Amino acid sequence: MKTSSFSFDLPSELIAQEPASRRDSSRLLVLERSSGRISHRLVGELPELIQPGTVMILNDSRVRKARLFAAAERSGSRVEFLLLRELEPGLWKAMVSKARKQVPGKRFRFPGGVEGAIVGSDGEFRLVSFSPLVDDAYLEEHGHVPLPPYIRRADTPADAARYQTVYARRPGSAAAPTAGLHLTDELLAALRGRGVEIAELTLHVGAGTFLPIRAERIEEHRMHEEWYSVPEASAAAINRAAREGRPILAVGTTAVRAVESAWRGGAVQTGEGRTALFIAPGYRFRVITRLLTNFHTPQSSLLVLVSALAGRERVLAAYAEAIQRRYRFFSYGDAMLIL
């Protein structure tokens, strides 16, 4: 299937540059898979829309302030680094601006007296060695919120809270699992009160989630690995729901990929793993039956995943209606519930 089959035209003014005034005030497009019926609600109405007995899966990964700016040692030019994963103490895999110029041996001055050097490459990524070591405490003090490039402004102190889910606990993501940005503690309490069971897991969002598909055909796309972990209590809750035929709803595509990757031997398995799972039309879902998600960029693995669950034609038709009704798109935009 051609990657271009997942294209759509989006007016630039519909790309959300700021979050909604309240998390749960975002608009919600509801798509019923069986009929293709579309309705329009608000995120705050989720307790009315989600069936009691549903298990709702949340990704509790916490976004690091993983964007750093440095000065090149020789030229003094400003270079941007997005730290993706710490390979060993002091050694990070990173995306670096002007990547072709960033060859092994180049050195940089980072905030707080830290020096860094390119020591290798991994395809389009660079391996960066830091001295002294760069850790989460350093990033919290000197890093920037890694807002995606289609948000055309610098990050602000407000983004440190709003580009983070209210249940984020485990630092490690280089981008937010954005479907969860709409949820509040009060909304989660209301869902529990309606008989919805909450199960948390972790997938640290990296390049596997947010890099675009560059291959002409989606079958040629290869995902980058991301780390995930499923606690015992969450696996037990999900497996019970699967045995009993109750709905299992993932909040975000990262939760889908984590739980589908953990399915082995007829059940979701407890523990850690790394996944490069690419879900495309034709994939047989083992766990997930429903999905809360944002509106995704054209020709992205995220849009392909949503299309695998709900059907490409129905998803693109829903996107067309969302555009016609002036929904807000992408990370800080509105949401979509697939039932």
C-alpha atoms as a PDB file:
ATOM      1  CA  MET A   1       0.000   0.000   0.000  1.00  0.00           C
ATOM      2  CA  LYS A   2       1.398   3.414  -0.964  1.00  0.00           C
ATOM      3  CA  THR A   3       2.325   5.786   1.814  1.00  0.00           C
ATOM      4  CA  SER A   4       0.629   8.532  -0.182  1.00  0.00           C
ATOM      5  CA  SER A   5      -2.688   6.744   0.468  1.00  0.00           C
ATOM      6  CA  PHE A   6      -2.505   8.219   3.978  1.00  0.00           C
ATOM      7  CA  SER A   7      -2.272  11.845   2.864  1.00  0.00           C
ATOM      8  CA  PHE A   8      -4.726  14.643   3.514  1.00  0.00           C
ATOM      9  CA  ASP A   9      -4.668  18.406   3.098  1.00  0.00           C
ATOM     10  CA  LEU A  10      -4.740  20.362   6.333  1.00  0.00           C
ATOM     11  CA  PRO A  11      -5.029  24.143   6.550  1.00  0.00           C
ATOM     12  CA  SER A  12      -2.080  25.364   8.607  1.00  0.00           C
ATOM     13  CA  GLU A  13      -4.336  27.398  10.907  1.00  0.00           C
ATOM     14  CA  LEU A  14      -5.840  24.138  12.227  1.00  0.00           C
ATOM     15  CA  ILE A  15      -2.482  23.016  13.667  1.00  0.00           C
ATOM     16  CA  ALA A  16      -2.857  23.768  17.366  1.00  0.00           C
ATOM     17  CA  GLN A  17      -0.109  26.034  18.669  1.00  0.00           C
ATOM     18  CA  GLU A  18      -1.387  26.158  22.248  1.00  0.00           C
ATOM     19  CA  PRO A  19      -3.255  23.662  24.443  1.00  0.00           C
ATOM     20  CA  ALA A  20      -6.966  24.075  25.140  1.00  0.00           C
ATOM     21  CA  SER A  21      -7.922  26.299  28.067  1.00  0.00           C
ATOM     22  CA  ARG A  22      -8.756  23.140  30.067  1.00  0.00           C
ATOM     23  CA  ARG A  23      -7.542  19.651  29.314  1.00  0.00           C
ATOM     24  CA  ASP A  24     -11.009  18.117  29.156  1.00  0.00           C
ATOM     25  CA  SER A  25     -12.553  20.979  27.150  1.00  0.00           C
ATOM     26  CA  SER A  26     -11.134  19.690  23.851  1.00  0.00           C
ATOM     27  CA  ARG A  27     -13.584  18.599  21.194  1.00  0.00           C
ATOM     28  CA  LEU A  28     -14.047  14.860  20.650  1.00  0.00           C
ATOM     29  CA  LEU A  29     -14.948  13.220  17.351  1.00  0.00           C
ATOM     30  CA  VAL A  30     -16.531   9.809  18.011  1.00  0.00           C
ATOM     31  CA  LEU A  31     -16.218   7.206  15.233  1.00  0.00           C
ATOM     32  CA  GLU A  32     -18.136   3.922  15.427  1.00  0.00           C
ATOM     33  CA  ARG A  33     -16.164   1.259  13.577  1.00  0.00           C
ATOM     34  CA  SER A  34     -19.119  -0.998  12.791  1.00  0.00           C
ATOM     35  CA  SER A  35     -21.244   1.627  11.053  1.00  0.00           C
ATOM     36  CA  GLY A  36     -18.879   4.497  10.259  1.00  0.00           C
ATOM     37  CA  ARG A  37     -21.223   6.813  12.162  1.00  0.00           C
ATOM     38  CA  ILE A  38     -19.617  10.019  13.391  1.00  0.00           C
ATOM     39  CA  SER A  39     -20.761  12.192  16.279  1.00  0.00           C
ATOM     40  CA  HIS A  40     -19.289  15.244  17.939  1.00  0.00           C
ATOM     41  CA  ARG A  41     -18.824  15.574  21.695  1.00  0.00           C
ATOM     42  CA  LEU A  42     -16.351  16.938  24.253  1.00  0.00           C
ATOM     43  CA  VAL A  43     -13.575  15.055  26.060  1.00  0.00           C
ATOM     44  CA  GLY A  44     -15.293  15.864  29.354  1.00  0.00           C
ATOM     45  CA  GLU A  45     -18.208  13.658  28.241  1.00  0.00           C
ATOM     46  CA  LEU A  46     -16.072  10.496  28.118  1.00  0.00           C
ATOM     47  CA  PRO A  47     -17.786   8.930  31.180  1.00  0.00           C
ATOM     48  CA  GLU A  48     -21.040   8.914  29.163  1.00  0.00           C
ATOM     49  CA  LEU A  49     -19.348   7.299  26.158  1.00  0.00           C
ATOM     50  CA  ILE A  50     -17.177   4.555  27.654  1.00  0.00           C
ATOM     51  CA  GLN A  51     -18.959   1.366  28.608  1.00  0.00           C
ATOM     52  CA  PRO A  52     -18.784   0.280  32.275  1.00  0.00           C
ATOM     53  CA  GLY A  53     -16.436  -2.672  32.624  1.00  0.00           C
ATOM     54  CA  THR A  54     -14.026  -1.263  30.045  1.00  0.00           C
ATOM     55  CA  VAL A  55     -10.327  -1.481  30.854  1.00  0.00           C
ATOM     56  CA  MET A  56      -8.643   1.810  29.909  1.00  0.00           C
ATOM     57  CA  ILE A  57      -4.885   1.556  29.322  1.00  0.00           C
ATOM     58  CA  LEU A  58      -2.721   4.605  30.108  1.00  0.00           C
ATOM     59  CA  ASN A  59       0.929   5.187  29.223  1.00  0.00           C
ATOM     60  CA  ASP A  60       2.510   6.719  32.340  1.00  0.00           C
ATOM     61  CA  SER A  61       5.790   7.724  30.670  1.00  0.00           C
ATOM     62  CA  ARG A  62       7.014  11.187  31.620  1.00  0.00           C
ATOM     63  CA  VAL A  63       8.477  13.562  29.029  1.00  0.00           C
ATOM     64  CA  ARG A  64      12.036  14.650  29.668  1.00  0.00           C
ATOM     65  CA  LYS A  65      13.172  18.174  28.925  1.00  0.00           C
ATOM     66  CA  ALA A  66      15.202  16.435  26.266  1.00  0.00           C
ATOM     67  CA  ARG A  67      15.946  19.380  23.945  1.00  0.00           C
ATOM     68  CA  LEU A  68      19.316  21.043  24.508  1.00  0.00           C
ATOM     69  CA  PHE A  69      21.043  23.893  22.714  1.00  0.00           C
ATOM     70  CA  ALA A  70      24.813  24.008  22.446  1.00  0.00           C
ATOM     71  CA  ALA A  71      27.547  26.090  20.830  1.00  0.00           C
ATOM     72  CA  ALA A  72      29.930  24.370  18.427  1.00  0.00           C
ATOM     73  CA  GLU A  73      33.427  24.550  19.894  1.00  0.00           C
ATOM     74  CA  ARG A  74      35.162  25.968  16.813  1.00  0.00           C
ATOM     75  CA  SER A  75      32.518  28.094  15.082  1.00  0.00           C
ATOM     76  CA  GLY A  76      30.294  29.010  18.009  1.00  0.00           C
ATOM     77  CA  SER A  77      27.231  28.213  15.886  1.00  0.00           C
ATOM     78  CA  ARG A  78      24.056  27.183  17.710  1.00  0.00           C
ATOM     79  CA  VAL A  79      23.168  23.487  17.402  1.00  0.00           C
ATOM     80  CA  GLU A  80      20.047  21.753  18.678  1.00  0.00           C
ATOM     81  CA  PHE A  81      20.106  18.288  20.274  1.00  0.00           C
ATOM     82  CA  LEU A  82      17.117  16.068  21.050  1.00  0.00           C
ATOM     83  CA  LEU A  83      18.247  13.331  23.439  1.00  0.00           C
ATOM     84  CA  LEU A  84      16.384  10.097  22.727  1.00  0.00           C
ATOM     85  CA  ARG A  85      17.966   7.412  24.865  1.00  0.00           C
ATOM     86  CA  GLU A  86      20.875   6.992  27.268  1.00  0.00           C
ATOM     87  CA  LEU A  87      22.886   4.021  26.005  1.00  0.00           C
ATOM     88  CA  GLU A  88      25.280   4.016  28.971  1.00  0.00           C
ATOM     89  CA  PRO A  89      26.234   6.630  31.573  1.00  0.00           C
ATOM     90  CA  GLY A  90      27.199   9.790  29.704  1.00  0.00           C
ATOM     91  CA  LEU A  91      26.475   8.386  26.217  1.00  0.00           C
ATOM     92  CA  TRP A  92      23.229   9.367  24.491  1.00  0.00           C
ATOM     93  CA  LYS A  93      21.572   8.628  21.181  1.00  0.00           C
ATOM     94  CA  ALA A  94      20.323  11.936  19.792  1.00  0.00           C
ATOM     95  CA  MET A  95      18.816  13.772  16.877  1.00  0.00           C
ATOM     96  CA  VAL A  96      21.027  16.744  16.008  1.00  0.00           C
ATOM     97  CA  SER A  97      20.282  19.731  13.783  1.00  0.00           C
ATOM     98  CA  LYS A  98      22.316  20.087  10.576  1.00  0.00           C
ATOM     99  CA  ALA A  99      23.024  16.383  11.019  1.00  0.00           C
ATOM    100  CA  ARG A 100      25.290  15.973   7.983  1.00  0.00           C
ATOM    101  CA  LYS A 101      27.748  18.426   9.488  1.00  0.00           C
ATOM    102  CA  GLN A 102      27.775  16.706  12.876  1.00  0.00           C
ATOM    103  CA  VAL A 103      30.528  14.139  12.341  1.00  0.00           C
ATOM    104  CA  PRO A 104      32.540  12.190  14.935  1.00  0.00           C
ATOM    105  CA  GLY A 105      35.077  14.425  16.621  1.00  0.00           C
ATOM    106  CA  LYS A 106      32.985  17.602  16.656  1.00  0.00           C
ATOM    107  CA  ARG A 107      32.760  19.129  20.105  1.00  0.00           C
ATOM    108  CA  PHE A 108      30.174  21.395  21.730  1.00  0.00           C
ATOM    109  CA  ARG A 109      29.675  23.560  24.816  1.00  0.00           C
ATOM    110  CA  PHE A 110      26.389  22.920  26.647  1.00  0.00           C
ATOM    111  CA  PRO A 111      24.763  24.930  29.472  1.00  0.00           C
ATOM    112  CA  GLY A 112      26.038  24.421  33.008  1.00  0.00           C
ATOM    113  CA  GLY A 113      29.655  23.819  32.028  1.00  0.00           C
ATOM    114  CA  VAL A 114      28.988  20.515  30.251  1.00  0.00           C
ATOM    115  CA  GLU A 115      31.009  19.544  27.194  1.00  0.00           C
ATOM    116  CA  GLY A 116      29.857  17.102  24.565  1.00  0.00           C
ATOM    117  CA  ALA A 117      31.338  15.352  21.560  1.00  0.00           C
ATOM    118  CA  ILE A 118      29.976  13.372  18.636  1.00  0.00           C
ATOM    119  CA  VAL A 119      31.561   9.938  18.988  1.00  0.00           C
ATOM    120  CA  GLY A 120      29.598   7.935  16.427  1.00  0.00           C
ATOM    121  CA  SER A 121      26.474   7.704  14.332  1.00  0.00           C
ATOM    122  CA  ASP A 122      23.535   5.342  13.943  1.00  0.00           C
ATOM    123  CA  GLY A 123      21.969   6.148  10.607  1.00  0.00           C
ATOM    124  CA  GLU A 124      20.378   9.579  10.922  1.00  0.00           C
ATOM    125  CA  PHE A 125      21.115   9.711  14.668  1.00  0.00           C
ATOM    126  CA  ARG A 126      24.300  10.708  16.463  1.00  0.00           C
ATOM    127  CA  LEU A 127      25.984   9.233  19.529  1.00  0.00           C
ATOM    128  CA  VAL A 128      26.943  12.014  21.919  1.00  0.00           C
ATOM    129  CA  SER A 129      29.304  11.681  24.870  1.00  0.00           C
ATOM    130  CA  PHE A 130      28.918  14.179  27.718  1.00  0.00           C
ATOM    131  CA  SER A 131      31.290  15.296  30.483  1.00  0.00           C
ATOM    132  CA  PRO A 132      30.184  15.703  33.240  1.00  0.00           C
ATOM    133  CA  LEU A 133      27.359  13.219  32.814  1.00  0.00           C
ATOM    134  CA  VAL A 134      23.949  14.418  31.637  1.00  0.00           C
ATOM    135  CA  ASP A 135      21.062  12.954  33.635  1.00  0.00           C
ATOM    136  CA  ASP A 136      17.398  13.757  34.323  1.00  0.00           C
ATOM    137  CA  ALA A 137      18.307  16.344  36.978  1.00  0.00           C
ATOM    138  CA  TYR A 138      20.532  18.163  34.499  1.00  0.00           C
ATOM    139  CA  LEU A 139      17.836  18.083  31.812  1.00  0.00           C
ATOM    140  CA  GLU A 140      15.240  19.395  34.236  1.00  0.00           C
ATOM    141  CA  GLU A 141      17.459  22.399  34.963  1.00  0.00           C
ATOM    142  CA  HIS A 142      18.932  23.119  31.528  1.00  0.00           C
ATOM    143  CA  GLY A 143      16.731  21.349  28.980  1.00  0.00           C
ATOM    144  CA  HIS A 144      13.693  22.516  27.054  1.00  0.00           C
ATOM    145  CA  VAL A 145      10.313  20.856  26.579  1.00  0.00           C
ATOM    146  CA  PRO A 146      10.611  18.955  23.265  1.00  0.00           C
ATOM    147  CA  LEU A 147       7.638  20.498  21.498  1.00  0.00           C
ATOM    148  CA  PRO A 148       7.229  19.101  17.968  1.00  0.00           C
ATOM    149  CA  PRO A 149       8.433  21.267  15.049  1.00  0.00           C
ATOM    150  CA  TYR A 150       4.919  22.064  13.813  1.00  0.00           C
ATOM    151  CA  ILE A 151       4.405  24.071  17.027  1.00  0.00           C
ATOM    152  CA  ARG A 152       6.111  27.192  15.734  1.00  0.00           C
ATOM    153  CA  ARG A 153       7.181  28.837  18.970  1.00  0.00           C
ATOM    154  CA  ALA A 154       9.652  28.361  21.784  1.00  0.00           C
ATOM    155  CA  ASP A 155       8.575  26.355  24.807  1.00  0.00           C
ATOM    156  CA  THR A 156       7.346  28.250  27.869  1.00  0.00           C
ATOM    157  CA  PRO A 157       7.104  27.339  31.565  1.00  0.00           C
ATOM    158  CA  ALA A 158       3.434  26.470  30.980  1.00  0.00           C
ATOM    159  CA  ASP A 159       4.448  23.741  28.519  1.00  0.00           C
ATOM    160  CA  ALA A 160       6.368  21.947  31.268  1.00  0.00           C
ATOM    161  CA  ALA A 161       2.985  21.067  32.777  1.00  0.00           C
ATOM    162  CA  ARG A 162       0.662  20.955  29.771  1.00  0.00           C
ATOM    163  CA  TYR A 163       2.942  18.829  27.529  1.00  0.00           C
ATOM    164  CA  GLN A 164       2.740  16.144  30.212  1.00  0.00           C
ATOM    165  CA  THR A 165      -0.107  13.858  31.264  1.00  0.00           C
ATOM    166  CA  VAL A 166      -1.427  14.265  34.814  1.00  0.00           C
ATOM    167  CA  TYR A 167      -0.459  10.646  35.507  1.00  0.00           C
ATOM    168  CA  ALA A 168       3.093  10.822  34.078  1.00  0.00           C
ATOM    169  CA  ARG A 169       5.477   9.069  36.475  1.00  0.00           C
ATOM    170  CA  ARG A 170       8.431   7.411  34.734  1.00  0.00           C
ATOM    171  CA  PRO A 171      10.836   9.809  32.963  1.00  0.00           C
ATOM    172  CA  GLY A 172      12.074   8.683  29.580  1.00  0.00           C
ATOM    173  CA  SER A 173      10.041  10.080  26.675  1.00  0.00           C
ATOM    174  CA  ALA A 174      11.274  12.515  24.047  1.00  0.00           C
ATOM    175  CA  ALA A 175       7.687  13.376  23.082  1.00  0.00           C
ATOM    176  CA  ALA A 176       4.371  13.253  24.908  1.00  0.00           C
ATOM    177  CA  PRO A 177       1.861  10.407  24.549  1.00  0.00           C
ATOM    178  CA  THR A 178      -0.539  13.134  23.475  1.00  0.00           C
ATOM    179  CA  ALA A 179      -3.944  11.417  23.719  1.00  0.00           C
ATOM    180  CA  GLY A 180      -3.507  11.410  27.487  1.00  0.00           C
ATOM    181  CA  LEU A 181      -3.001  15.184  27.621  1.00  0.00           C
ATOM    182  CA  HIS A 182      -6.804  15.574  27.581  1.00  0.00           C
ATOM    183  CA  LEU A 183      -7.398  13.632  30.799  1.00  0.00           C
ATOM    184  CA  THR A 184      -7.677  15.188  34.265  1.00  0.00           C
ATOM    185  CA  ASP A 185      -7.639  13.627  37.717  1.00  0.00           C
ATOM    186  CA  GLU A 186     -11.332  14.513  38.063  1.00  0.00           C
ATOM    187  CA  LEU A 187     -12.207  12.902  34.722  1.00  0.00           C
ATOM    188  CA  LEU A 188     -10.322   9.723  35.630  1.00  0.00           C
ATOM    189  CA  ALA A 189     -12.149   9.629  38.981  1.00  0.00           C
ATOM    190  CA  ALA A 190     -15.478   9.999  37.141  1.00  0.00           C
ATOM    191  CA  LEU A 191     -14.559   7.152  34.800  1.00  0.00           C
ATOM    192  CA  ARG A 192     -13.666   4.916  37.736  1.00  0.00           C
ATOM    193  CA  GLY A 193     -16.964   5.858  39.350  1.00  0.00           C
ATOM    194  CA  ARG A 194     -18.751   4.634  36.230  1.00  0.00           C
ATOM    195  CA  GLY A 195     -17.041   1.230  36.456  1.00  0.00           C
ATOM    196  CA  VAL A 196     -14.108   1.816  34.120  1.00  0.00           C
ATOM    197  CA  GLU A 197     -10.940   0.021  35.227  1.00  0.00           C
ATOM    198  CA  ILE A 198      -7.620   1.843  34.765  1.00  0.00           C
ATOM    199  CA  ALA A 199      -4.456  -0.100  33.847  1.00  0.00           C
ATOM    200  CA  GLU A 200      -1.115   1.690  33.517  1.00  0.00           C
ATOM    201  CA  LEU A 201       1.962   0.655  31.566  1.00  0.00           C
ATOM    202  CA  THR A 202       4.992   2.483  30.197  1.00  0.00           C
ATOM    203  CA  LEU A 203       6.331   3.065  26.706  1.00  0.00           C
ATOM    204  CA  HIS A 204       9.051   5.698  26.433  1.00  0.00           C
ATOM    205  CA  VAL A 205       8.271   7.648  23.287  1.00  0.00           C
ATOM    206  CA  GLY A 206      11.215   7.966  20.935  1.00  0.00           C
ATOM    207  CA  ALA A 207      11.939   8.128  17.245  1.00  0.00           C
ATOM    208  CA  GLY A 208       9.860   5.015  16.595  1.00  0.00           C
ATOM    209  CA  THR A 209       6.715   6.971  17.351  1.00  0.00           C
ATOM    210  CA  PHE A 210       7.292  10.396  15.859  1.00  0.00           C
ATOM    211  CA  LEU A 211       9.514   9.982  12.789  1.00  0.00           C
ATOM    212  CA  PRO A 212       7.590  10.104   9.483  1.00  0.00           C
ATOM    213  CA  ILE A 213       7.301   7.244   7.024  1.00  0.00           C
ATOM    214  CA  ARG A 214       9.838   7.976   4.290  1.00  0.00           C
ATOM    215  CA  ALA A 215       9.383   4.798   2.245  1.00  0.00           C
ATOM    216  CA  GLU A 216       7.181   4.917  -0.858  1.00  0.00           C
ATOM    217  CA  ARG A 217       5.203   1.919   0.388  1.00  0.00           C
ATOM    218  CA  ILE A 218       4.253   1.374   4.021  1.00  0.00           C
ATOM    219  CA  GLU A 219       5.414  -2.259   3.841  1.00  0.00           C
ATOM    220  CA  GLU A 220       8.979  -0.943   3.512  1.00  0.00           C
ATOM    221  CA  HIS A 221       8.817   1.163   6.683  1.00  0.00           C
ATOM    222  CA  ARG A 222      10.906   0.061   9.654  1.00  0.00           C
ATOM    223  CA  MET A 223      10.206   1.382  13.136  1.00  0.00           C
ATOM    224  CA  HIS A 224      12.930   2.294  15.619  1.00  0.00           C
ATOM    225  CA  GLU A 225      12.848   0.356  18.873  1.00  0.00           C
ATOM    226  CA  GLU A 226      11.263   1.789  21.997  1.00  0.00           C
ATOM    227  CA  TRP A 227      11.355   0.474  25.576  1.00  0.00           C
ATOM    228  CA  TYR A 228       8.155  -0.613  27.320  1.00  0.00           C
ATOM    229  CA  SER A 229       7.121  -2.192  30.605  1.00  0.00           C
ATOM    230  CA  VAL A 230       3.868  -3.836  31.725  1.00  0.00           C
ATOM    231  CA  PRO A 231       3.259  -4.215  35.496  1.00  0.00           C
ATOM    232  CA  GLU A 232       1.768  -7.439  36.835  1.00  0.00           C
ATOM    233  CA  ALA A 233      -1.461  -5.790  38.031  1.00  0.00           C
ATOM    234  CA  SER A 234      -2.069  -4.181  34.639  1.00  0.00           C
ATOM    235  CA  ALA A 235      -1.437  -7.402  32.733  1.00  0.00           C
ATOM    236  CA  ALA A 236      -3.854  -9.239  35.050  1.00  0.00           C
ATOM    237  CA  ALA A 237      -6.589  -6.615  34.559  1.00  0.00           C
ATOM    238  CA  ILE A 238      -6.212  -6.626  30.775  1.00  0.00           C
ATOM    239  CA  ASN A 239      -6.154 -10.423  30.570  1.00  0.00           C
ATOM    240  CA  ARG A 240      -9.304 -10.683  32.713  1.00  0.00           C
ATOM    241  CA  ALA A 241     -11.116  -8.255  30.444  1.00  0.00           C
ATOM    242  CA  ALA A 242      -9.974 -10.173  27.345  1.00  0.00           C
ATOM    243  CA  ARG A 243     -11.211 -13.491  28.771  1.00  0.00           C
ATOM    244  CA  GLU A 244     -14.554 -11.938  29.716  1.00  0.00           C
ATOM    245  CA  GLY A 245     -15.044 -10.171  26.403  1.00  0.00           C
ATOM    246  CA  ARG A 246     -15.068  -6.701  27.952  1.00  0.00           C
ATOM    247  CA  PRO A 247     -13.884  -3.660  25.949  1.00  0.00           C
ATOM    248  CA  ILE A 248     -10.197  -2.759  26.149  1.00  0.00           C
ATOM    249  CA  LEU A 249      -9.518   0.878  25.309  1.00  0.00           C
ATOM    250  CA  ALA A 250      -6.023   2.249  24.761  1.00  0.00           C
ATOM    251  CA  VAL A 251      -5.340   5.916  25.441  1.00  0.00           C
ATOM    252  CA  GLY A 252      -2.974   6.707  22.603  1.00  0.00           C
ATOM    253  CA  THR A 253      -1.103   4.777  19.956  1.00  0.00           C
ATOM    254  CA  THR A 254       1.876   4.205  22.268  1.00  0.00           C
ATOM    255  CA  ALA A 255      -0.342   2.266  24.679  1.00  0.00           C
ATOM    256  CA  VAL A 256      -1.569   0.204  21.713  1.00  0.00           C
ATOM    257  CA  ARG A 257       1.946  -0.678  20.597  1.00  0.00           C
ATOM    258  CA  ALA A 258       3.098  -1.536  24.117  1.00  0.00           C
ATOM    259  CA  VAL A 259       0.222  -3.858  24.989  1.00  0.00           C
ATOM    260  CA  GLU A 260       0.102  -5.499  21.554  1.00  0.00           C
ATOM    261  CA  SER A 261       3.874  -6.113  21.796  1.00  0.00           C
ATOM    262  CA  ALA A 262       3.416  -7.700  25.232  1.00  0.00           C
ATOM    263  CA  TRP A 263       0.873 -10.243  23.904  1.00  0.00           C
ATOM    264  CA  ARG A 264       2.526 -13.659  23.760  1.00  0.00           C
ATOM    265  CA  GLY A 265       1.174 -17.135  24.256  1.00  0.00           C
ATOM    266  CA  GLY A 266      -2.430 -15.991  24.338  1.00  0.00           C
ATOM    267  CA  ALA A 267      -2.044 -13.344  27.062  1.00  0.00           C
ATOM    268  CA  VAL A 268      -0.416 -10.015  27.888  1.00  0.00           C
ATOM    269  CA  GLN A 269       2.868 -10.785  29.609  1.00  0.00           C
ATOM    270  CA  THR A 270       4.321  -8.903  32.570  1.00  0.00           C
ATOM    271  CA  GLY A 271       7.756  -7.332  32.292  1.00  0.00           C
ATOM    272  CA  GLU A 272       9.990  -5.163  30.134  1.00  0.00           C
ATOM    273  CA  GLY A 273      10.808  -5.324  26.462  1.00  0.00           C
ATOM    274  CA  ARG A 274      11.749  -3.363  23.392  1.00  0.00           C
ATOM    275  CA  THR A 275       9.366  -3.019  20.493  1.00  0.00           C
ATOM    276  CA  ALA A 276       9.649  -2.014  16.852  1.00  0.00           C
ATOM    277  CA  LEU A 277       6.073  -3.087  16.123  1.00  0.00           C
ATOM    278  CA  PHE A 278       4.589  -1.310  13.098  1.00  0.00           C
ATOM    279  CA  ILE A 279       0.810  -1.691  12.975  1.00  0.00           C
ATOM    280  CA  ALA A 280      -0.682  -1.241   9.523  1.00  0.00           C
ATOM    281  CA  PRO A 281      -3.914  -2.295   7.769  1.00  0.00           C
ATOM    282  CA  GLY A 282      -4.138  -6.069   7.788  1.00  0.00           C
ATOM    283  CA  TYR A 283      -2.774  -6.333  11.340  1.00  0.00           C
ATOM    284  CA  ARG A 284      -4.877  -8.543  13.615  1.00  0.00           C
ATOM    285  CA  PHE A 285      -5.294  -6.828  16.973  1.00  0.00           C
ATOM    286  CA  ARG A 286      -4.839  -9.244  19.888  1.00  0.00           C
ATOM    287  CA  VAL A 287      -5.792  -6.929  22.744  1.00  0.00           C
ATOM    288  CA  ILE A 288      -7.186  -3.520  21.816  1.00  0.00           C
ATOM    289  CA  THR A 289     -10.806  -3.050  20.793  1.00  0.00           C
ATOM    290  CA  ARG A 290     -11.160   0.730  21.241  1.00  0.00           C
ATOM    291  CA  LEU A 291      -8.916   3.778  21.071  1.00  0.00           C
ATOM    292  CA  LEU A 292      -8.745   7.371  22.292  1.00  0.00           C
ATOM    293  CA  THR A 293      -6.274   9.242  20.100  1.00  0.00           C
ATOM    294  CA  ASN A 294      -5.369  12.650  18.714  1.00  0.00           C
ATOM    295  CA  PHE A 295      -5.480  13.699  15.060  1.00  0.00           C
ATOM    296  CA  HIS A 296      -2.171  12.734  13.472  1.00  0.00           C
ATOM    297  CA  THR A 297       0.119  14.071  10.773  1.00  0.00           C
ATOM    298  CA  PRO A 298      -0.275  12.883   7.157  1.00  0.00           C
ATOM    299  CA  GLN A 299       1.728   9.807   6.103  1.00  0.00           C
ATOM    300  CA  SER A 300       2.705   9.011   9.704  1.00  0.00           C
ATOM    301  CA  SER A 301       2.922   5.603  11.363  1.00  0.00           C
ATOM    302  CA  LEU A 302       0.357   6.902  13.874  1.00  0.00           C
ATOM    303  CA  LEU A 303      -2.256   7.567  11.179  1.00  0.00           C
ATOM    304  CA  VAL A 304      -1.501   4.155   9.651  1.00  0.00           C
ATOM    305  CA  LEU A 305      -2.067   2.487  13.051  1.00  0.00           C
ATOM    306  CA  VAL A 306      -5.414   4.242  13.537  1.00  0.00           C
ATOM    307  CA  SER A 307      -6.396   3.167  10.021  1.00  0.00           C
ATOM    308  CA  ALA A 308      -5.516  -0.434  10.861  1.00  0.00           C
ATOM    309  CA  LEU A 309      -8.078  -0.337  13.665  1.00  0.00           C
ATOM    310  CA  ALA A 310     -10.899   1.644  12.053  1.00  0.00           C
ATOM    311  CA  GLY A 311     -10.246   1.338   8.305  1.00  0.00           C
ATOM    312  CA  ARG A 312      -8.371   3.815   6.115  1.00  0.00           C
ATOM    313  CA  GLU A 313     -11.431   5.112   4.254  1.00  0.00           C
ATOM    314  CA  ARG A 314     -13.425   5.697   7.447  1.00  0.00           C
ATOM    315  CA  VAL A 315     -10.525   7.381   9.205  1.00  0.00           C
ATOM    316  CA  LEU A 316      -9.815   9.711   6.282  1.00  0.00           C
ATOM    317  CA  ALA A 317     -13.527  10.498   6.008  1.00  0.00           C
ATOM    318  CA  ALA A 318     -13.552  11.342   9.731  1.00  0.00           C
ATOM    319  CA  TYR A 319     -10.473  13.554   9.259  1.00  0.00           C
ATOM    320  CA  ALA A 320     -12.187  15.335   6.360  1.00  0.00           C
ATOM    321  CA  GLU A 321     -15.207  16.059   8.549  1.00  0.00           C
ATOM    322  CA  ALA A 322     -12.946  17.219  11.391  1.00  0.00           C
ATOM    323  CA  ILE A 323     -11.247  19.644   8.993  1.00  0.00           C
ATOM    324  CA  GLN A 324     -14.607  20.863   7.700  1.00  0.00           C
ATOM    325  CA  ARG A 325     -15.752  21.466  11.303  1.00  0.00           C
ATOM    326  CA  ARG A 326     -12.489  23.211  12.201  1.00  0.00           C
ATOM    327  CA  TYR A 327     -11.160  20.736  14.746  1.00  0.00           C
ATOM    328  CA  ARG A 328      -7.676  21.471  16.086  1.00  0.00           C
ATOM    329  CA  PHE A 329      -4.985  19.007  14.982  1.00  0.00           C
ATOM    330  CA  PHE A 330      -1.865  17.284  16.321  1.00  0.00           C
ATOM    331  CA  SER A 331      -0.260  17.282  19.768  1.00  0.00           C
ATOM    332  CA  TYR A 332      -2.157  20.175  21.400  1.00  0.00           C
ATOM    333  CA  GLY A 333      -5.278  19.596  19.298  1.00  0.00           C
ATOM    334  CA  ASP A 334      -8.602  17.843  19.739  1.00  0.00           C
ATOM    335  CA  ALA A 335      -9.260  14.130  20.158  1.00  0.00           C
ATOM    336  CA  MET A 336     -10.925  11.178  18.460  1.00  0.00           C
ATOM    337  CA  LEU A 337     -12.636   8.210  20.126  1.00  0.00           C
ATOM    338  CA  ILE A 338     -12.898   5.016  18.100  1.00  0.00           C
ATOM    339  CA  LEU A 339     -15.550   2.595  19.391  1.00  0.00           C
END
